[in-house]
Amino acid sequence: DPVTNSLTARVLTHGTTVHGIQNVLPGLETVPTSYYARRSGVGLTLA
């Protein structure tokens, strides 16, 4: 967080491309993020 400097997420990159983000705030750890959000094509199919 730019104000509190508290940890909010962990990010996986390969080269210049993001390939995974995990929210680390309590209650959000298992929320699908990045390209895999619930309203994405894969999110709607798997859900």
All heavy atoms as atom14 arrays in JSON, in Angstrom:
{
  "sequence": "DPVTNSLTARVLTHGTTVHGIQNVLPGLETVPTSYYARRSGVGLTLA",
  "atom14_mask": [
    [1, 1, 1, 1, 1, 1, 1, 1, 0, 0, 0, 0, 0, 0],
    [1, 1, 1, 1, 1, 1, 1, 0, 0, 0, 0, 0, 0, 0],
    [1, 1, 1, 1, 1, 1, 1, 0, 0, 0, 0, 0, 0, 0],
    [1, 1, 1, 1, 1, 1, 1, 0, 0, 0, 0, 0, 0, 0],
    [1, 1, 1, 1, 1, 1, 1, 1, 0, 0, 0, 0, 0, 0],
    [1, 1, 1, 1, 1, 1, 0, 0, 0, 0, 0, 0, 0, 0],
    [1, 1, 1, 1, 1, 1, 1, 1, 0, 0, 0, 0, 0, 0],
    [1, 1, 1, 1, 1, 1, 1, 0, 0, 0, 0, 0, 0, 0],
    [1, 1, 1, 1, 1, 0, 0, 0, 0, 0, 0, 0, 0, 0],
    [1, 1, 1, 1, 1, 1, 1, 1, 1, 1, 1, 0, 0, 0],
    [1, 1, 1, 1, 1, 1, 1, 0, 0, 0, 0, 0, 0, 0],
    [1, 1, 1, 1, 1, 1, 1, 1, 0, 0, 0, 0, 0, 0],
    [1, 1, 1, 1, 1, 1, 1, 0, 0, 0, 0, 0, 0, 0],
    [1, 1, 1, 1, 1, 1, 1, 1, 1, 1, 0, 0, 0, 0],
    [1, 1, 1, 1, 0, 0, 0, 0, 0, 0, 0, 0, 0, 0],
    [1, 1, 1, 1, 1, 1, 1, 0, 0, 0, 0, 0, 0, 0],
    [1, 1, 1, 1, 1, 1, 1, 0, 0, 0, 0, 0, 0, 0],
    [1, 1, 1, 1, 1, 1, 1, 0, 0, 0, 0, 0, 0, 0],
    [1, 1, 1, 1, 1, 1, 1, 1, 1, 1, 0, 0, 0, 0],
    [1, 1, 1, 1, 0, 0, 0, 0, 0, 0, 0, 0, 0, 0],
    [1, 1, 1, 1, 1, 1, 1, 1, 0, 0, 0, 0, 0, 0],
    [1, 1, 1, 1, 1, 1, 1, 1, 1, 0, 0, 0, 0, 0],
    [1, 1, 1, 1, 1, 1, 1, 1, 0, 0, 0, 0, 0, 0],
    [1, 1, 1, 1, 1, 1, 1, 0, 0, 0, 0, 0, 0, 0],
    [1, 1, 1, 1, 1, 1, 1, 1, 0, 0, 0, 0, 0, 0],
    [1, 1, 1, 1, 1, 1, 1, 0, 0, 0, 0, 0, 0, 0],
    [1, 1, 1, 1, 0, 0, 0, 0, 0, 0, 0, 0, 0, 0],
    [1, 1, 1, 1, 1, 1, 1, 1, 0, 0, 0, 0, 0, 0],
    [1, 1, 1, 1, 1, 1, 1, 1, 1, 0, 0, 0, 0, 0],
    [1, 1, 1, 1, 1, 1, 1, 0, 0, 0, 0, 0, 0, 0],
    [1, 1, 1, 1, 1, 1, 1, 0, 0, 0, 0, 0, 0, 0],
    [1, 1, 1, 1, 1, 1, 1, 0, 0, 0, 0, 0, 0, 0],
    [1, 1, 1, 1, 1, 1, 1, 0, 0, 0, 0, 0, 0, 0],
    [1, 1, 1, 1, 1, 1, 0, 0, 0, 0, 0, 0, 0, 0],
    [1, 1, 1, 1, 1, 1, 1, 1, 1, 1, 1, 1, 0, 0],
    [1, 1, 1, 1, 1, 1, 1, 1, 1, 1, 1, 1, 0, 0],
    [1, 1, 1, 1, 1, 0, 0, 0, 0, 0, 0, 0, 0, 0],
    [1, 1, 1, 1, 1, 1, 1, 1, 1, 1, 1, 0, 0, 0],
    [1, 1, 1, 1, 1, 1, 1, 1, 1, 1, 1, 0, 0, 0],
    [1, 1, 1, 1, 1, 1, 0, 0, 0, 0, 0, 0, 0, 0],
    [1, 1, 1, 1, 0, 0, 0, 0, 0, 0, 0, 0, 0, 0],
    [1, 1, 1, 1, 1, 1, 1, 0, 0, 0, 0, 0, 0, 0],
    [1, 1, 1, 1, 0, 0, 0, 0, 0, 0, 0, 0, 0, 0],
    [1, 1, 1, 1, 1, 1, 1, 1, 0, 0, 0, 0, 0, 0],
    [1, 1, 1, 1, 1, 1, 1, 0, 0, 0, 0, 0, 0, 0],
    [1, 1, 1, 1, 1, 1, 1, 1, 0, 0, 0, 0, 0, 0],
    [1, 1, 1, 1, 1, 0, 0, 0, 0, 0, 0, 0, 0, 0]
  ],
  "atom14_positions": [
    [[0.85, -1.18, 0.0], [0.0, 0.0, 0.0], [0.89, 1.24, 0.0], [1.79, 1.37, 0.84], [-0.9, -0.01, 1.24], [-1.9, 1.14, 1.21], [-1.49, 2.28, 1.47], [-3.08, 0.86, 0.94], [0.0, 0.0, 0.0], [0.0, 0.0, 0.0], [0.0, 0.0, 0.0], [0.0, 0.0, 0.0], [0.0, 0.0, 0.0], [0.0, 0.0, 0.0]],
    [[0.68, 2.17, -0.93], [1.58, 3.34, -1.01], [1.5, 4.25, 0.2], [2.43, 5.03, 0.44], [1.08, 4.07, -2.27], [-0.31, 3.59, -2.48], [-0.35, 2.19, -1.97], [0.0, 0.0, 0.0], [0.0, 0.0, 0.0], [0.0, 0.0, 0.0], [0.0, 0.0, 0.0], [0.0, 0.0, 0.0], [0.0, 0.0, 0.0], [0.0, 0.0, 0.0]],
    [[0.42, 4.17, 0.98], [0.27, 5.04, 2.15], [0.8, 4.36, 3.4], [1.64, 4.91, 4.13], [-1.21, 5.44, 2.34], [-1.36, 6.3, 3.59], [-1.73, 6.18, 1.1], [0.0, 0.0, 0.0], [0.0, 0.0, 0.0], [0.0, 0.0, 0.0], [0.0, 0.0, 0.0], [0.0, 0.0, 0.0], [0.0, 0.0, 0.0], [0.0, 0.0, 0.0]],
    [[0.34, 3.13, 3.65], [0.71, 2.44, 4.9], [1.93, 1.55, 4.76], [2.47, 1.08, 5.75], [-0.47, 1.59, 5.39], [-0.72, 0.55, 4.43], [-1.72, 2.46, 5.55], [0.0, 0.0, 0.0], [0.0, 0.0, 0.0], [0.0, 0.0, 0.0], [0.0, 0.0, 0.0], [0.0, 0.0, 0.0], [0.0, 0.0, 0.0], [0.0, 0.0, 0.0]],
    [[2.34, 1.29, 3.5], [3.46, 0.39, 3.22], [3.18, -1.04, 3.68], [4.1, -1.84, 3.81], [4.76, 0.9, 3.87], [5.99, 0.26, 3.23], [6.01, 0.02, 2.01], [6.99, -0.04, 4.04], [0.0, 0.0, 0.0], [0.0, 0.0, 0.0], [0.0, 0.0, 0.0], [0.0, 0.0, 0.0], [0.0, 0.0, 0.0], [0.0, 0.0, 0.0]],
    [[1.95, -1.38, 3.91], [1.6, -2.74, 4.31], [1.48, -3.63, 3.08], [1.11, -3.18, 1.99], [0.28, -2.75, 5.08], [-0.77, -2.22, 4.28], [0.0, 0.0, 0.0], [0.0, 0.0, 0.0], [0.0, 0.0, 0.0], [0.0, 0.0, 0.0], [0.0, 0.0, 0.0], [0.0, 0.0, 0.0], [0.0, 0.0, 0.0], [0.0, 0.0, 0.0]],
    [[1.8, -4.92, 3.24], [1.77, -5.88, 2.15], [0.34, -6.13, 1.72], [-0.52, -6.43, 2.54], [2.44, -7.18, 2.59], [2.54, -8.29, 1.55], [3.42, -7.86, 0.39], [3.11, -9.56, 2.2], [0.0, 0.0, 0.0], [0.0, 0.0, 0.0], [0.0, 0.0, 0.0], [0.0, 0.0, 0.0], [0.0, 0.0, 0.0], [0.0, 0.0, 0.0]],
    [[0.06, -6.02, 0.41], [-1.29, -6.24, -0.1], [-1.39, -7.42, -1.06], [-2.44, -8.06, -1.15], [-1.81, -4.99, -0.82], [-0.95, -4.69, -1.94], [-1.85, -3.79, 0.13], [0.0, 0.0, 0.0], [0.0, 0.0, 0.0], [0.0, 0.0, 0.0], [0.0, 0.0, 0.0], [0.0, 0.0, 0.0], [0.0, 0.0, 0.0], [0.0, 0.0, 0.0]],
    [[-0.32, -7.7, -1.81], [-0.39, -8.77, -2.81], [0.99, -9.29, -3.12], [2.01, -8.63, -2.88], [-1.07, -8.27, -4.09], [0.0, 0.0, 0.0], [0.0, 0.0, 0.0], [0.0, 0.0, 0.0], [0.0, 0.0, 0.0], [0.0, 0.0, 0.0], [0.0, 0.0, 0.0], [0.0, 0.0, 0.0], [0.0, 0.0, 0.0], [0.0, 0.0, 0.0]],
    [[1.03, -10.51, -3.66], [2.27, -11.14, -4.13], [2.13, -11.41, -5.62], [1.09, -11.89, -6.07], [2.51, -12.44, -3.36], [3.82, -13.12, -3.69], [4.27, -13.98, -2.53], [4.67, -13.14, -1.4], [4.59, -13.54, -0.13], [4.11, -14.73, 0.17], [4.99, -12.73, 0.84], [0.0, 0.0, 0.0], [0.0, 0.0, 0.0], [0.0, 0.0, 0.0]],
    [[3.18, -11.09, -6.39], [3.08, -11.11, -7.85], [4.15, -12.03, -8.44], [5.31, -12.0, -8.03], [3.26, -9.68, -8.42], [3.1, -9.68, -9.94], [2.27, -8.72, -7.78], [0.0, 0.0, 0.0], [0.0, 0.0, 0.0], [0.0, 0.0, 0.0], [0.0, 0.0, 0.0], [0.0, 0.0, 0.0], [0.0, 0.0, 0.0], [0.0, 0.0, 0.0]],
    [[3.74, -12.83, -9.42], [4.65, -13.69, -10.17], [4.84, -13.11, -11.56], [3.87, -12.85, -12.28], [4.09, -15.11, -10.28], [4.81, -16.06, -11.25], [6.22, -16.39, -10.75], [4.01, -17.34, -11.46], [0.0, 0.0, 0.0], [0.0, 0.0, 0.0], [0.0, 0.0, 0.0], [0.0, 0.0, 0.0], [0.0, 0.0, 0.0], [0.0, 0.0, 0.0]],
    [[6.09, -12.89, -11.96], [6.37, -12.42, -13.32], [7.36, -13.35, -13.99], [8.22, -13.95, -13.34], [6.94, -10.99, -13.33], [8.12, -10.95, -12.5], [5.93, -9.99, -12.83], [0.0, 0.0, 0.0], [0.0, 0.0, 0.0], [0.0, 0.0, 0.0], [0.0, 0.0, 0.0], [0.0, 0.0, 0.0], [0.0, 0.0, 0.0], [0.0, 0.0, 0.0]],
    [[7.22, -13.47, -15.29], [8.19, -14.19, -16.12], [8.61, -13.23, -17.21], [7.82, -12.88, -18.08], [7.55, -15.44, -16.72], [8.5, -16.24, -17.58], [8.35, -16.34, -18.93], [9.6, -16.97, -17.25], [9.32, -17.11, -19.41], [10.08, -17.5, -18.42], [0.0, 0.0, 0.0], [0.0, 0.0, 0.0], [0.0, 0.0, 0.0], [0.0, 0.0, 0.0]],
    [[9.86, -12.75, -17.13], [10.27, -11.7, -18.04], [9.55, -10.41, -17.7], [9.59, -9.93, -16.57], [0.0, 0.0, 0.0], [0.0, 0.0, 0.0], [0.0, 0.0, 0.0], [0.0, 0.0, 0.0], [0.0, 0.0, 0.0], [0.0, 0.0, 0.0], [0.0, 0.0, 0.0], [0.0, 0.0, 0.0], [0.0, 0.0, 0.0], [0.0, 0.0, 0.0]],
    [[8.82, -9.87, -18.67], [8.09, -8.62, -18.46], [6.61, -8.85, -18.25], [5.83, -7.89, -18.19], [8.27, -7.71, -19.69], [7.74, -8.38, -20.85], [9.73, -7.4, -19.93], [0.0, 0.0, 0.0], [0.0, 0.0, 0.0], [0.0, 0.0, 0.0], [0.0, 0.0, 0.0], [0.0, 0.0, 0.0], [0.0, 0.0, 0.0], [0.0, 0.0, 0.0]],
    [[6.19, -10.1, -18.12], [4.76, -10.42, -18.11], [4.33, -10.96, -16.75], [4.98, -11.85, -16.19], [4.44, -11.46, -19.2], [4.94, -10.98, -20.45], [2.94, -11.68, -19.31], [0.0, 0.0, 0.0], [0.0, 0.0, 0.0], [0.0, 0.0, 0.0], [0.0, 0.0, 0.0], [0.0, 0.0, 0.0], [0.0, 0.0, 0.0], [0.0, 0.0, 0.0]],
    [[3.22, -10.43, -16.23], [2.65, -10.92, -14.98], [1.91, -12.23, -15.25], [1.1, -12.31, -16.18], [1.68, -9.88, -14.38], [0.96, -10.45, -13.17], [2.44, -8.62, -13.99], [0.0, 0.0, 0.0], [0.0, 0.0, 0.0], [0.0, 0.0, 0.0], [0.0, 0.0, 0.0], [0.0, 0.0, 0.0], [0.0, 0.0, 0.0], [0.0, 0.0, 0.0]],
    [[2.16, -13.24, -14.43], [1.51, -14.54, -14.61], [0.83, -15.04, -13.35], [0.46, -16.2, -13.27], [2.51, -15.58, -15.12], [2.84, -15.4, -16.57], [1.95, -15.69, -17.57], [3.95, -14.92, -17.18], [2.5, -15.42, -18.74], [3.71, -14.95, -18.53], [0.0, 0.0, 0.0], [0.0, 0.0, 0.0], [0.0, 0.0, 0.0], [0.0, 0.0, 0.0]],
    [[0.64, -14.17, -12.38], [-0.1, -14.56, -11.2], [-0.02, -13.48, -10.14], [1.04, -12.87, -9.93], [0.0, 0.0, 0.0], [0.0, 0.0, 0.0], [0.0, 0.0, 0.0], [0.0, 0.0, 0.0], [0.0, 0.0, 0.0], [0.0, 0.0, 0.0], [0.0, 0.0, 0.0], [0.0, 0.0, 0.0], [0.0, 0.0, 0.0], [0.0, 0.0, 0.0]],
    [[-1.16, -13.21, -9.49], [-1.22, -12.24, -8.39], [-2.07, -12.86, -7.29], [-3.18, -13.35, -7.56], [-1.85, -10.9, -8.82], [-1.13, -10.31, -10.04], [-1.83, -9.91, -7.67], [-1.81, -9.09, -10.63], [0.0, 0.0, 0.0], [0.0, 0.0, 0.0], [0.0, 0.0, 0.0], [0.0, 0.0, 0.0], [0.0, 0.0, 0.0], [0.0, 0.0, 0.0]],
    [[-1.57, -12.83, -6.07], [-2.37, -13.32, -4.94], [-2.54, -12.21, -3.92], [-1.56, -11.63, -3.43], [-1.71, -14.53, -4.27], [-2.56, -15.09, -3.14], [-2.03, -16.41, -2.6], [-0.84, -16.71, -2.72], [-2.91, -17.21, -2.01], [0.0, 0.0, 0.0], [0.0, 0.0, 0.0], [0.0, 0.0, 0.0], [0.0, 0.0, 0.0], [0.0, 0.0, 0.0]],
    [[-3.8, -11.89, -3.62], [-4.08, -10.95, -2.53], [-3.72, -11.61, -1.21], [-4.07, -12.77, -0.98], [-5.57, -10.56, -2.53], [-5.97, -9.83, -3.8], [-5.31, -8.9, -4.22], [-7.07, -10.26, -4.42], [0.0, 0.0, 0.0], [0.0, 0.0, 0.0], [0.0, 0.0, 0.0], [0.0, 0.0, 0.0], [0.0, 0.0, 0.0], [0.0, 0.0, 0.0]],
    [[-3.05, -10.88, -0.34], [-2.64, -11.45, 0.95], [-3.42, -10.86, 2.11], [-3.2, -11.24, 3.27], [-1.12, -11.27, 1.18], [-0.33, -11.99, 0.11], [-0.75, -9.79, 1.21], [0.0, 0.0, 0.0], [0.0, 0.0, 0.0], [0.0, 0.0, 0.0], [0.0, 0.0, 0.0], [0.0, 0.0, 0.0], [0.0, 0.0, 0.0], [0.0, 0.0, 0.0]],
    [[-4.35, -9.94, 1.84], [-5.17, -9.39, 2.91], [-6.13, -10.47, 3.41], [-6.62, -11.3, 2.63], [-5.96, -8.18, 2.4], [-5.1, -6.99, 1.94], [-5.99, -5.9, 1.37], [-4.28, -6.45, 3.1], [0.0, 0.0, 0.0], [0.0, 0.0, 0.0], [0.0, 0.0, 0.0], [0.0, 0.0, 0.0], [0.0, 0.0, 0.0], [0.0, 0.0, 0.0]],
    [[-6.42, -10.51, 4.72], [-7.29, -11.55, 5.29], [-8.63, -11.63, 4.56], [-9.29, -10.62, 4.31], [-7.46, -11.11, 6.74], [-6.25, -10.28, 7.03], [-5.92, -9.58, 5.75], [0.0, 0.0, 0.0], [0.0, 0.0, 0.0], [0.0, 0.0, 0.0], [0.0, 0.0, 0.0], [0.0, 0.0, 0.0], [0.0, 0.0, 0.0], [0.0, 0.0, 0.0]],
    [[-9.01, -12.87, 4.2], [-10.27, -13.11, 3.52], [-10.2, -13.04, 2.01], [-11.15, -13.43, 1.32], [0.0, 0.0, 0.0], [0.0, 0.0, 0.0], [0.0, 0.0, 0.0], [0.0, 0.0, 0.0], [0.0, 0.0, 0.0], [0.0, 0.0, 0.0], [0.0, 0.0, 0.0], [0.0, 0.0, 0.0], [0.0, 0.0, 0.0], [0.0, 0.0, 0.0]],
    [[-9.09, -12.54, 1.47], [-8.97, -12.39, 0.02], [-7.95, -13.35, -0.59], [-7.71, -13.32, -1.79], [-8.58, -10.95, -0.34], [-9.54, -9.84, 0.08], [-8.98, -8.48, -0.32], [-10.91, -10.06, -0.56], [0.0, 0.0, 0.0], [0.0, 0.0, 0.0], [0.0, 0.0, 0.0], [0.0, 0.0, 0.0], [0.0, 0.0, 0.0], [0.0, 0.0, 0.0]],
    [[-7.35, -14.21, 0.24], [-6.24, -15.05, -0.24], [-6.63, -16.0, -1.36], [-5.8, -16.37, -2.19], [-5.63, -15.85, 0.92], [-4.99, -15.0, 2.01], [-5.97, -14.69, 3.13], [-7.19, -14.82, 2.9], [-5.52, -14.35, 4.23], [0.0, 0.0, 0.0], [0.0, 0.0, 0.0], [0.0, 0.0, 0.0], [0.0, 0.0, 0.0], [0.0, 0.0, 0.0]],
    [[-7.88, -16.45, -1.37], [-8.29, -17.44, -2.37], [-9.16, -16.84, -3.48], [-9.77, -17.57, -4.26], [-9.05, -18.6, -1.7], [-10.22, -18.08, -1.05], [-8.18, -19.31, -0.69], [0.0, 0.0, 0.0], [0.0, 0.0, 0.0], [0.0, 0.0, 0.0], [0.0, 0.0, 0.0], [0.0, 0.0, 0.0], [0.0, 0.0, 0.0], [0.0, 0.0, 0.0]],
    [[-9.23, -15.51, -3.55], [-10.0, -14.86, -4.61], [-9.19, -14.91, -5.9], [-8.07, -14.41, -5.95], [-10.31, -13.4, -4.24], [-10.98, -12.68, -5.43], [-11.2, -13.33, -3.02], [0.0, 0.0, 0.0], [0.0, 0.0, 0.0], [0.0, 0.0, 0.0], [0.0, 0.0, 0.0], [0.0, 0.0, 0.0], [0.0, 0.0, 0.0], [0.0, 0.0, 0.0]],
    [[-9.72, -15.51, -6.98], [-8.99, -15.55, -8.25], [-8.73, -14.15, -8.79], [-9.62, -13.29, -8.77], [-9.92, -16.35, -9.18], [-10.77, -17.15, -8.26], [-10.98, -16.29, -7.05], [0.0, 0.0, 0.0], [0.0, 0.0, 0.0], [0.0, 0.0, 0.0], [0.0, 0.0, 0.0], [0.0, 0.0, 0.0], [0.0, 0.0, 0.0], [0.0, 0.0, 0.0]],
    [[-7.54, -13.92, -9.25], [-7.12, -12.59, -9.7], [-6.59, -12.64, -11.12], [-6.66, -13.66, -11.8], [-6.02, -12.05, -8.77], [-4.93, -12.98, -8.8], [-6.52, -11.89, -7.35], [0.0, 0.0, 0.0], [0.0, 0.0, 0.0], [0.0, 0.0, 0.0], [0.0, 0.0, 0.0], [0.0, 0.0, 0.0], [0.0, 0.0, 0.0], [0.0, 0.0, 0.0]],
    [[-6.03, -11.53, -11.55], [-5.38, -11.33, -12.85], [-6.27, -11.83, -13.99], [-7.44, -11.47, -14.06], [-3.98, -12.0, -12.87], [-4.05, -13.38, -12.67], [0.0, 0.0, 0.0], [0.0, 0.0, 0.0], [0.0, 0.0, 0.0], [0.0, 0.0, 0.0], [0.0, 0.0, 0.0], [0.0, 0.0, 0.0], [0.0, 0.0, 0.0], [0.0, 0.0, 0.0]],
    [[-5.73, -12.67, -14.88], [-6.5, -13.12, -16.05], [-7.59, -14.11, -15.69], [-8.37, -14.51, -16.56], [-5.57, -13.8, -17.06], [-4.28, -13.08, -17.33], [-3.07, -13.56, -16.81], [-4.24, -11.93, -18.11], [-1.87, -12.91, -17.06], [-3.06, -11.27, -18.36], [-1.87, -11.76, -17.84], [-0.69, -11.11, -18.08], [0.0, 0.0, 0.0], [0.0, 0.0, 0.0]],
    [[-7.64, -14.52, -14.43], [-8.5, -15.64, -14.03], [-9.63, -15.19, -13.11], [-10.21, -15.98, -12.38], [-7.65, -16.7, -13.33], [-6.31, -16.91, -14.0], [-5.12, -16.45, -13.43], [-6.24, -17.55, -15.23], [-3.91, -16.62, -14.06], [-5.02, -17.73, -15.87], [-3.86, -17.26, -15.28], [-2.66, -17.44, -15.92], [0.0, 0.0, 0.0], [0.0, 0.0, 0.0]],
    [[-9.96, -13.89, -13.14], [-11.02, -13.35, -12.28], [-12.34, -14.05, -12.56], [-12.54, -14.67, -13.61], [-11.16, -11.85, -12.5], [0.0, 0.0, 0.0], [0.0, 0.0, 0.0], [0.0, 0.0, 0.0], [0.0, 0.0, 0.0], [0.0, 0.0, 0.0], [0.0, 0.0, 0.0], [0.0, 0.0, 0.0], [0.0, 0.0, 0.0], [0.0, 0.0, 0.0]],
    [[-13.27, -13.94, -11.63], [-14.52, -14.72, -11.71], [-15.34, -14.38, -12.94], [-16.09, -15.22, -13.44], [-15.34, -14.5, -10.44], [-14.65, -15.03, -9.18], [-15.62, -15.18, -8.02], [-14.91, -15.61, -6.81], [-14.57, -16.88, -6.57], [-14.87, -17.82, -7.45], [-13.94, -17.19, -5.45], [0.0, 0.0, 0.0], [0.0, 0.0, 0.0], [0.0, 0.0, 0.0]],
    [[-15.24, -13.16, -13.43], [-16.03, -12.77, -14.6], [-15.25, -12.94, -15.91], [-15.74, -12.56, -16.98], [-16.51, -11.33, -14.45], [-17.51, -11.12, -13.31], [-17.95, -9.66, -13.19], [-18.41, -9.12, -14.45], [-17.85, -8.07, -15.07], [-16.81, -7.45, -14.52], [-18.34, -7.63, -16.21], [0.0, 0.0, 0.0], [0.0, 0.0, 0.0], [0.0, 0.0, 0.0]],
    [[-14.08, -13.53, -15.85], [-13.32, -13.83, -17.07], [-13.9, -15.08, -17.72], [-14.72, -15.79, -17.14], [-11.84, -14.06, -16.73], [-11.7, -15.24, -15.95], [0.0, 0.0, 0.0], [0.0, 0.0, 0.0], [0.0, 0.0, 0.0], [0.0, 0.0, 0.0], [0.0, 0.0, 0.0], [0.0, 0.0, 0.0], [0.0, 0.0, 0.0], [0.0, 0.0, 0.0]],
    [[-13.48, -15.36, -18.95], [-14.0, -16.53, -19.65], [-13.73, -17.83, -18.92], [-14.62, -18.68, -18.78], [0.0, 0.0, 0.0], [0.0, 0.0, 0.0], [0.0, 0.0, 0.0], [0.0, 0.0, 0.0], [0.0, 0.0, 0.0], [0.0, 0.0, 0.0], [0.0, 0.0, 0.0], [0.0, 0.0, 0.0], [0.0, 0.0, 0.0], [0.0, 0.0, 0.0]],
    [[-12.52, -17.99, -18.41], [-12.2, -19.23, -17.7], [-12.9, -19.27, -16.35], [-13.33, -20.33, -15.88], [-10.67, -19.39, -17.54], [-10.1, -18.37, -16.55], [-10.31, -20.8, -17.12], [0.0, 0.0, 0.0], [0.0, 0.0, 0.0], [0.0, 0.0, 0.0], [0.0, 0.0, 0.0], [0.0, 0.0, 0.0], [0.0, 0.0, 0.0], [0.0, 0.0, 0.0]],
    [[-13.06, -18.09, -15.7], [-13.74, -18.05, -14.41], [-15.18, -18.48, -14.52], [-15.68, -19.28, -13.71], [0.0, 0.0, 0.0], [0.0, 0.0, 0.0], [0.0, 0.0, 0.0], [0.0, 0.0, 0.0], [0.0, 0.0, 0.0], [0.0, 0.0, 0.0], [0.0, 0.0, 0.0], [0.0, 0.0, 0.0], [0.0, 0.0, 0.0], [0.0, 0.0, 0.0]],
    [[-15.89, -17.98, -15.53], [-17.3, -18.34, -15.72], [-17.44, -19.83, -16.08], [-18.39, -20.49, -15.65], [-17.91, -17.47, -16.82], [-18.05, -15.98, -16.49], [-18.44, -15.19, -17.72], [-19.1, -15.79, -15.39], [0.0, 0.0, 0.0], [0.0, 0.0, 0.0], [0.0, 0.0, 0.0], [0.0, 0.0, 0.0], [0.0, 0.0, 0.0], [0.0, 0.0, 0.0]],
    [[-16.52, -20.36, -16.84], [-16.6, -21.77, -17.23], [-16.35, -22.7, -16.06], [-17.13, -23.62, -15.79], [-15.6, -22.06, -18.36], [-15.82, -21.16, -19.45], [-15.75, -23.49, -18.86], [0.0, 0.0, 0.0], [0.0, 0.0, 0.0], [0.0, 0.0, 0.0], [0.0, 0.0, 0.0], [0.0, 0.0, 0.0], [0.0, 0.0, 0.0], [0.0, 0.0, 0.0]],
    [[-15.27, -22.46, -15.32], [-14.93, -23.35, -14.21], [-15.92, -23.21, -13.06], [-16.23, -24.19, -12.37], [-13.52, -23.06, -13.72], [-12.39, -23.38, -14.71], [-11.04, -23.0, -14.14], [-12.4, -24.86, -15.08], [0.0, 0.0, 0.0], [0.0, 0.0, 0.0], [0.0, 0.0, 0.0], [0.0, 0.0, 0.0], [0.0, 0.0, 0.0], [0.0, 0.0, 0.0]],
    [[-16.45, -22.01, -12.84], [-17.42, -21.82, -11.75], [-18.72, -22.56, -12.04], [-19.46, -22.91, -11.1], [-17.69, -20.33, -11.56], [0.0, 0.0, 0.0], [0.0, 0.0, 0.0], [0.0, 0.0, 0.0], [0.0, 0.0, 0.0], [0.0, 0.0, 0.0], [0.0, 0.0, 0.0], [0.0, 0.0, 0.0], [0.0, 0.0, 0.0], [0.0, 0.0, 0.0]]
  ]
}
